[in-house]
Amino acid sequence: MTHRHPYPHTDLQEVAHRNVTAAQLLAALTRDPLPMLPVWAYLIAALDDIDTLIDEVTGLRAELALTRHQRANLLAAVRATLATHHDGDDDPLYYVRDELHAQTSGEGR
């Protein structure tokens, strides 16, 4: 079974590139000797926030990938536990305990 993301990932590198381009255009527009309008200051501040948001989204994506991986490992351990229980194994919960230990001890399979 193929698992697809419920939403497409935005290309953060492209977002960063457009952000740099927009900042450069604003900088060129504000070089005019006329006083800078307050709207330009707001736009420049908003563009400065984009880099921070890109970093945060990148970190959240990595955290989500790790969480999905851990969830898949736990699901596999539960399935193994159920199968060994069905086969009459003496310690079918071994797989769940082993996976929980691996995830809590930081082995990070």
C-alpha atoms as a PDB file:
ATOM      1  CA  MET A   1       0.000   0.000   0.000  1.00  0.00           C
ATOM      2  CA  THR A   2       1.396   3.355  -1.022  1.00  0.00           C
ATOM      3  CA  HIS A   3       1.119   6.181   1.482  1.00  0.00           C
ATOM      4  CA  ARG A   4       0.788   9.607  -0.049  1.00  0.00           C
ATOM      5  CA  HIS A   5       1.112  12.903   1.716  1.00  0.00           C
ATOM      6  CA  PRO A   6      -2.277  14.514   2.328  1.00  0.00           C
ATOM      7  CA  TYR A   7      -0.862  17.735   0.897  1.00  0.00           C
ATOM      8  CA  PRO A   8       1.899  18.523  -1.579  1.00  0.00           C
ATOM      9  CA  HIS A   9       5.135  19.926  -0.214  1.00  0.00           C
ATOM     10  CA  THR A  10       5.959  23.463  -1.185  1.00  0.00           C
ATOM     11  CA  ASP A  11       9.369  23.849  -2.783  1.00  0.00           C
ATOM     12  CA  LEU A  12      11.073  25.836  -0.038  1.00  0.00           C
ATOM     13  CA  GLN A  13      14.149  26.467  -2.147  1.00  0.00           C
ATOM     14  CA  GLU A  14      11.958  28.138  -4.767  1.00  0.00           C
ATOM     15  CA  VAL A  15      10.220  30.173  -2.060  1.00  0.00           C
ATOM     16  CA  ALA A  16      13.602  31.330  -0.752  1.00  0.00           C
ATOM     17  CA  HIS A  17      14.695  32.265  -4.274  1.00  0.00           C
ATOM     18  CA  ARG A  18      11.536  34.321  -4.875  1.00  0.00           C
ATOM     19  CA  ASN A  19      12.023  35.950  -1.481  1.00  0.00           C
ATOM     20  CA  VAL A  20      15.557  37.051  -2.375  1.00  0.00           C
ATOM     21  CA  THR A  21      14.360  38.372  -5.725  1.00  0.00           C
ATOM     22  CA  ALA A  22      11.518  40.331  -4.100  1.00  0.00           C
ATOM     23  CA  ALA A  23      13.877  41.762  -1.472  1.00  0.00           C
ATOM     24  CA  GLN A  24      16.307  42.859  -4.188  1.00  0.00           C
ATOM     25  CA  LEU A  25      13.499  44.518  -6.151  1.00  0.00           C
ATOM     26  CA  LEU A  26      12.299  46.354  -3.054  1.00  0.00           C
ATOM     27  CA  ALA A  27      15.827  47.458  -2.267  1.00  0.00           C
ATOM     28  CA  ALA A  28      16.172  48.848  -5.792  1.00  0.00           C
ATOM     29  CA  LEU A  29      12.840  50.665  -5.486  1.00  0.00           C
ATOM     30  CA  THR A  30      13.748  52.225  -2.148  1.00  0.00           C
ATOM     31  CA  ARG A  31      17.073  53.636  -3.407  1.00  0.00           C
ATOM     32  CA  ASP A  32      15.113  56.565  -4.788  1.00  0.00           C
ATOM     33  CA  PRO A  33      16.022  59.784  -2.957  1.00  0.00           C
ATOM     34  CA  LEU A  34      12.344  60.236  -2.009  1.00  0.00           C
ATOM     35  CA  PRO A  35      11.594  59.318   1.588  1.00  0.00           C
ATOM     36  CA  MET A  36      10.732  55.665   2.051  1.00  0.00           C
ATOM     37  CA  LEU A  37       7.026  55.153   2.504  1.00  0.00           C
ATOM     38  CA  PRO A  38       5.965  53.146   5.573  1.00  0.00           C
ATOM     39  CA  VAL A  39       4.496  50.493   3.287  1.00  0.00           C
ATOM     40  CA  TRP A  40       7.982  49.664   1.996  1.00  0.00           C
ATOM     41  CA  ALA A  41       9.217  49.146   5.551  1.00  0.00           C
ATOM     42  CA  TYR A  42       6.340  46.732   6.220  1.00  0.00           C
ATOM     43  CA  LEU A  43       7.035  44.810   3.026  1.00  0.00           C
ATOM     44  CA  ILE A  44      10.745  44.523   3.782  1.00  0.00           C
ATOM     45  CA  ALA A  45      10.018  43.306   7.328  1.00  0.00           C
ATOM     46  CA  ALA A  46       7.568  40.721   5.968  1.00  0.00           C
ATOM     47  CA  LEU A  47      10.163  39.440   3.531  1.00  0.00           C
ATOM     48  CA  ASP A  48      12.707  39.159   6.347  1.00  0.00           C
ATOM     49  CA  ASP A  49      10.299  36.852   8.192  1.00  0.00           C
ATOM     50  CA  ILE A  50      10.181  34.380   5.307  1.00  0.00           C
ATOM     51  CA  ASP A  51      13.681  33.006   5.947  1.00  0.00           C
ATOM     52  CA  THR A  52      12.753  32.252   9.551  1.00  0.00           C
ATOM     53  CA  LEU A  53       9.555  30.531   8.465  1.00  0.00           C
ATOM     54  CA  ILE A  54      11.409  28.446   5.878  1.00  0.00           C
ATOM     55  CA  ASP A  55      13.806  27.236   8.579  1.00  0.00           C
ATOM     56  CA  GLU A  56      10.897  26.374  10.854  1.00  0.00           C
ATOM     57  CA  VAL A  57       9.028  24.469   8.138  1.00  0.00           C
ATOM     58  CA  THR A  58      12.197  22.551   7.247  1.00  0.00           C
ATOM     59  CA  GLY A  59      12.609  21.500  10.887  1.00  0.00           C
ATOM     60  CA  LEU A  60       8.959  20.520  11.173  1.00  0.00           C
ATOM     61  CA  ARG A  61       9.195  18.404   8.018  1.00  0.00           C
ATOM     62  CA  ALA A  62      12.172  16.531   9.462  1.00  0.00           C
ATOM     63  CA  GLU A  63      10.332  16.002  12.746  1.00  0.00           C
ATOM     64  CA  LEU A  64       7.252  14.755  10.891  1.00  0.00           C
ATOM     65  CA  ALA A  65       9.357  12.316   8.845  1.00  0.00           C
ATOM     66  CA  LEU A  66      10.909  10.930  12.034  1.00  0.00           C
ATOM     67  CA  THR A  67       7.497  10.592  13.680  1.00  0.00           C
ATOM     68  CA  ARG A  68       6.119   8.759  10.645  1.00  0.00           C
ATOM     69  CA  HIS A  69       9.117   6.422  10.665  1.00  0.00           C
ATOM     70  CA  GLN A  70       8.669   5.663  14.364  1.00  0.00           C
ATOM     71  CA  ARG A  71       4.951   5.069  13.851  1.00  0.00           C
ATOM     72  CA  ALA A  72       5.678   2.629  11.011  1.00  0.00           C
ATOM     73  CA  ASN A  73       8.167   0.760  13.198  1.00  0.00           C
ATOM     74  CA  LEU A  74       5.642   0.534  16.031  1.00  0.00           C
ATOM     75  CA  LEU A  75       2.989  -0.738  13.656  1.00  0.00           C
ATOM     76  CA  ALA A  76       5.385  -3.405  12.372  1.00  0.00           C
ATOM     77  CA  ALA A  77       6.152  -4.418  15.967  1.00  0.00           C
ATOM     78  CA  VAL A  78       2.435  -4.689  16.768  1.00  0.00           C
ATOM     79  CA  ARG A  79       1.872  -6.849  13.696  1.00  0.00           C
ATOM     80  CA  ALA A  80       4.792  -9.094  14.666  1.00  0.00           C
ATOM     81  CA  THR A  81       3.398  -9.340  18.185  1.00  0.00           C
ATOM     82  CA  LEU A  82      -0.022 -10.373  16.913  1.00  0.00           C
ATOM     83  CA  ALA A  83       1.489 -12.943  14.549  1.00  0.00           C
ATOM     84  CA  THR A  84       3.689 -14.497  17.228  1.00  0.00           C
ATOM     85  CA  HIS A  85       0.787 -14.527  19.672  1.00  0.00           C
ATOM     86  CA  HIS A  86      -1.269 -16.367  17.063  1.00  0.00           C
ATOM     87  CA  ASP A  87       1.610 -18.848  16.640  1.00  0.00           C
ATOM     88  CA  GLY A  88       1.666 -19.462  20.414  1.00  0.00           C
ATOM     89  CA  ASP A  89       5.001 -17.777  21.162  1.00  0.00           C
ATOM     90  CA  ASP A  90       5.920 -17.573  24.853  1.00  0.00           C
ATOM     91  CA  ASP A  91       6.721 -13.846  24.718  1.00  0.00           C
ATOM     92  CA  PRO A  92       4.825 -12.199  21.866  1.00  0.00           C
ATOM     93  CA  LEU A  93       5.137  -8.718  23.394  1.00  0.00           C
ATOM     94  CA  TYR A  94       8.901  -8.868  22.907  1.00  0.00           C
ATOM     95  CA  TYR A  95       8.636  -6.991  19.592  1.00  0.00           C
ATOM     96  CA  VAL A  96       6.632  -4.111  21.052  1.00  0.00           C
ATOM     97  CA  ARG A  97       8.902  -3.820  24.086  1.00  0.00           C
ATOM     98  CA  ASP A  98      11.991  -3.910  21.877  1.00  0.00           C
ATOM     99  CA  GLU A  99      10.671  -1.175  19.589  1.00  0.00           C
ATOM    100  CA  LEU A 100       9.527   1.026  22.463  1.00  0.00           C
ATOM    101  CA  HIS A 101      12.931   0.624  24.078  1.00  0.00           C
ATOM    102  CA  ALA A 102      14.659   1.509  20.800  1.00  0.00           C
ATOM    103  CA  GLN A 103      12.562   4.642  20.374  1.00  0.00           C
ATOM    104  CA  THR A 104      12.903   5.837  23.956  1.00  0.00           C
ATOM    105  CA  SER A 105      16.613   5.079  24.274  1.00  0.00           C
ATOM    106  CA  GLY A 106      17.426   7.124  21.190  1.00  0.00           C
ATOM    107  CA  GLU A 107      18.657   4.308  18.996  1.00  0.00           C
ATOM    108  CA  GLY A 108      16.631   5.950  16.232  1.00  0.00           C
ATOM    109  CA  ARG A 109      16.345   2.965  13.943  1.00  0.00           C
END
